């Protein structure tokens, strides 16, 4: 089972809204009982959970960990998986040979013209 730290799992403002009669926050399932993973609405995920792009912007990568939560929006048609920033690893640096190979591939790609 996926787990996230207990203090970050629940969001008090959303819990209060769900407790108010006649209101329900769509895609708020911090326990993961309704969806396979703990689920949060757009822009309401706990601060210690980040998407792949957010991790990359911080110079990190998921490092083999499975998603610990998700964000759903657009009536469930879009999903973004969230990873624990505490378990993320630094991004790997390419070797000199890898950079040379990439440079050659990009040069070949630019110089190659496809026939119509």
C-alpha atoms as a PDB file:
ATOM      1  CA  UNK A   1       0.000   0.000   0.000  1.00  0.00           C
ATOM      2  CA  UNK A   2       1.201   3.504  -0.723  1.00  0.00           C
ATOM      3  CA  UNK A   3       1.801   5.728   2.231  1.00  0.00           C
ATOM      4  CA  UNK A   4       2.414   9.398   2.796  1.00  0.00           C
ATOM      5  CA  UNK A   5       3.159  11.139   6.062  1.00  0.00           C
ATOM      6  CA  UNK A   6       0.029  11.396   8.210  1.00  0.00           C
ATOM      7  CA  UNK A   7       0.233  15.166   8.916  1.00  0.00           C
ATOM      8  CA  UNK A   8       0.406  15.931   5.178  1.00  0.00           C
ATOM      9  CA  UNK A   9      -2.330  13.501   4.142  1.00  0.00           C
ATOM     10  CA  UNK A  10      -5.369  15.533   5.245  1.00  0.00           C
ATOM     11  CA  UNK A  11      -6.101  19.154   4.399  1.00  0.00           C
ATOM     12  CA  UNK A  12      -8.219  20.829   7.106  1.00  0.00           C
ATOM     13  CA  UNK A  13      -9.885  23.365   4.768  1.00  0.00           C
ATOM     14  CA  UNK A  14     -11.076  20.609   2.440  1.00  0.00           C
ATOM     15  CA  UNK A  15     -12.197  18.451   5.380  1.00  0.00           C
ATOM     16  CA  UNK A  16     -14.340  21.359   6.640  1.00  0.00           C
ATOM     17  CA  UNK A  17     -15.883  21.841   3.190  1.00  0.00           C
ATOM     18  CA  UNK A  18     -16.717  18.146   2.924  1.00  0.00           C
ATOM     19  CA  UNK A  19     -18.286  18.252   6.416  1.00  0.00           C
ATOM     20  CA  UNK A  20     -20.579  21.125   5.382  1.00  0.00           C
ATOM     21  CA  UNK A  21     -24.002  19.782   4.306  1.00  0.00           C
ATOM     22  CA  UNK A  22     -24.639  20.212   0.603  1.00  0.00           C
ATOM     23  CA  UNK A  23     -20.989  20.592  -0.388  1.00  0.00           C
ATOM     24  CA  UNK A  24     -18.457  18.074  -1.599  1.00  0.00           C
ATOM     25  CA  UNK A  25     -14.928  18.656  -2.836  1.00  0.00           C
ATOM     26  CA  UNK A  26     -14.436  16.733  -6.050  1.00  0.00           C
ATOM     27  CA  UNK A  27     -11.344  14.485  -6.154  1.00  0.00           C
ATOM     28  CA  UNK A  28     -10.451  14.797  -2.478  1.00  0.00           C
ATOM     29  CA  UNK A  29      -9.673  11.330  -1.165  1.00  0.00           C
ATOM     30  CA  UNK A  30      -6.624  11.556   1.135  1.00  0.00           C
ATOM     31  CA  UNK A  31      -6.980   7.972   2.346  1.00  0.00           C
ATOM     32  CA  UNK A  32      -7.121   6.454  -1.134  1.00  0.00           C
ATOM     33  CA  UNK A  33     -10.312   4.536  -0.328  1.00  0.00           C
ATOM     34  CA  UNK A  34     -12.243   5.766  -3.392  1.00  0.00           C
ATOM     35  CA  UNK A  35      -9.327   5.881  -5.832  1.00  0.00           C
ATOM     36  CA  UNK A  36      -6.312   3.591  -5.943  1.00  0.00           C
ATOM     37  CA  UNK A  37      -4.037   6.329  -4.541  1.00  0.00           C
ATOM     38  CA  UNK A  38      -4.582   9.249  -2.175  1.00  0.00           C
ATOM     39  CA  UNK A  39      -6.162  11.884  -4.417  1.00  0.00           C
ATOM     40  CA  UNK A  40      -6.185  15.652  -4.215  1.00  0.00           C
ATOM     41  CA  UNK A  41      -7.874  18.349  -6.276  1.00  0.00           C
ATOM     42  CA  UNK A  42      -5.898  20.673  -8.521  1.00  0.00           C
ATOM     43  CA  UNK A  43      -3.401  22.838  -6.555  1.00  0.00           C
ATOM     44  CA  UNK A  44      -4.287  21.266  -3.186  1.00  0.00           C
ATOM     45  CA  UNK A  45      -1.602  18.597  -2.859  1.00  0.00           C
ATOM     46  CA  UNK A  46       0.567  18.631   0.269  1.00  0.00           C
ATOM     47  CA  UNK A  47       3.820  20.577  -0.067  1.00  0.00           C
ATOM     48  CA  UNK A  48       6.052  17.494   0.300  1.00  0.00           C
ATOM     49  CA  UNK A  49       4.533  15.870  -2.814  1.00  0.00           C
ATOM     50  CA  UNK A  50       5.684  16.938  -6.273  1.00  0.00           C
ATOM     51  CA  UNK A  51       5.110  15.903  -9.892  1.00  0.00           C
ATOM     52  CA  UNK A  52       7.970  14.686 -12.112  1.00  0.00           C
ATOM     53  CA  UNK A  53       8.286  18.119 -13.677  1.00  0.00           C
ATOM     54  CA  UNK A  54       8.352  19.838 -10.312  1.00  0.00           C
ATOM     55  CA  UNK A  55      11.055  17.425  -9.152  1.00  0.00           C
ATOM     56  CA  UNK A  56      13.054  18.072 -12.335  1.00  0.00           C
ATOM     57  CA  UNK A  57      12.833  21.824 -11.762  1.00  0.00           C
ATOM     58  CA  UNK A  58      14.380  21.216  -8.325  1.00  0.00           C
ATOM     59  CA  UNK A  59      17.165  19.080  -9.833  1.00  0.00           C
ATOM     60  CA  UNK A  60      15.613  15.848  -8.562  1.00  0.00           C
ATOM     61  CA  UNK A  61      14.119  12.660  -9.996  1.00  0.00           C
ATOM     62  CA  UNK A  62      11.689  10.103  -8.501  1.00  0.00           C
ATOM     63  CA  UNK A  63      14.537   7.610  -8.118  1.00  0.00           C
ATOM     64  CA  UNK A  64      12.517   4.453  -8.674  1.00  0.00           C
ATOM     65  CA  UNK A  65       9.794   5.215  -6.146  1.00  0.00           C
ATOM     66  CA  UNK A  66       6.219   4.549  -7.140  1.00  0.00           C
ATOM     67  CA  UNK A  67       3.718   7.423  -7.036  1.00  0.00           C
ATOM     68  CA  UNK A  68       2.433   8.020  -3.511  1.00  0.00           C
ATOM     69  CA  UNK A  69      -0.561  10.172  -4.503  1.00  0.00           C
ATOM     70  CA  UNK A  70      -2.259  11.786  -7.476  1.00  0.00           C
ATOM     71  CA  UNK A  71      -4.017  14.929  -8.611  1.00  0.00           C
ATOM     72  CA  UNK A  72      -7.160  14.546 -10.685  1.00  0.00           C
ATOM     73  CA  UNK A  73      -8.867  17.287 -12.695  1.00  0.00           C
ATOM     74  CA  UNK A  74     -11.110  17.776 -15.744  1.00  0.00           C
ATOM     75  CA  UNK A  75     -13.714  15.339 -14.452  1.00  0.00           C
ATOM     76  CA  UNK A  76     -11.046  12.722 -13.836  1.00  0.00           C
ATOM     77  CA  UNK A  77      -9.815  12.884 -17.420  1.00  0.00           C
ATOM     78  CA  UNK A  78      -6.397  14.210 -16.396  1.00  0.00           C
ATOM     79  CA  UNK A  79      -4.069  12.792 -13.787  1.00  0.00           C
ATOM     80  CA  UNK A  80      -0.705  13.885 -12.397  1.00  0.00           C
ATOM     81  CA  UNK A  81       1.172  11.455 -10.202  1.00  0.00           C
ATOM     82  CA  UNK A  82       2.903  12.779  -7.105  1.00  0.00           C
ATOM     83  CA  UNK A  83       6.180  11.650  -5.569  1.00  0.00           C
ATOM     84  CA  UNK A  84       7.581  12.205  -2.084  1.00  0.00           C
ATOM     85  CA  UNK A  85      10.307  14.841  -2.246  1.00  0.00           C
ATOM     86  CA  UNK A  86      12.078  13.314   0.765  1.00  0.00           C
ATOM     87  CA  UNK A  87      12.693  10.067  -1.141  1.00  0.00           C
ATOM     88  CA  UNK A  88      13.674  11.748  -4.426  1.00  0.00           C
ATOM     89  CA  UNK A  89      17.241  11.475  -5.681  1.00  0.00           C
ATOM     90  CA  UNK A  90      19.443  14.010  -7.473  1.00  0.00           C
ATOM     91  CA  UNK A  91      19.244  14.017 -11.258  1.00  0.00           C
ATOM     92  CA  UNK A  92      21.990  12.015 -12.926  1.00  0.00           C
ATOM     93  CA  UNK A  93      24.674  13.846 -14.879  1.00  0.00           C
ATOM     94  CA  UNK A  94      25.434  12.511 -18.386  1.00  0.00           C
ATOM     95  CA  UNK A  95      28.967  11.314 -19.055  1.00  0.00           C
ATOM     96  CA  UNK A  96      31.207  12.961 -21.628  1.00  0.00           C
ATOM     97  CA  UNK A  97      30.646  10.070 -24.041  1.00  0.00           C
ATOM     98  CA  UNK A  98      26.862  10.403 -23.675  1.00  0.00           C
ATOM     99  CA  UNK A  99      27.057  14.135 -24.387  1.00  0.00           C
ATOM    100  CA  UNK A 100      29.255  13.491 -27.456  1.00  0.00           C
ATOM    101  CA  UNK A 101      26.810  10.875 -28.768  1.00  0.00           C
ATOM    102  CA  UNK A 102      23.891  13.236 -28.201  1.00  0.00           C
ATOM    103  CA  UNK A 103      25.706  16.030 -30.036  1.00  0.00           C
ATOM    104  CA  UNK A 104      26.396  13.743 -33.008  1.00  0.00           C
ATOM    105  CA  UNK A 105      22.771  12.572 -33.102  1.00  0.00           C
ATOM    106  CA  UNK A 106      21.436  16.125 -33.005  1.00  0.00           C
ATOM    107  CA  UNK A 107      23.872  17.193 -35.732  1.00  0.00           C
ATOM    108  CA  UNK A 108      22.787  14.267 -37.941  1.00  0.00           C
ATOM    109  CA  UNK A 109      19.158  15.116 -37.295  1.00  0.00           C
ATOM    110  CA  UNK A 110      19.653  18.757 -38.323  1.00  0.00           C
ATOM    111  CA  UNK A 111      21.706  17.955 -41.418  1.00  0.00           C
ATOM    112  CA  UNK A 112      19.492  15.156 -42.706  1.00  0.00           C
ATOM    113  CA  UNK A 113      16.827  16.349 -45.115  1.00  0.00           C
ATOM    114  CA  UNK A 114      13.826  14.148 -45.771  1.00  0.00           C
ATOM    115  CA  UNK A 115      12.699  13.833 -49.365  1.00  0.00           C
ATOM    116  CA  UNK A 116       9.092  14.927 -50.011  1.00  0.00           C
END
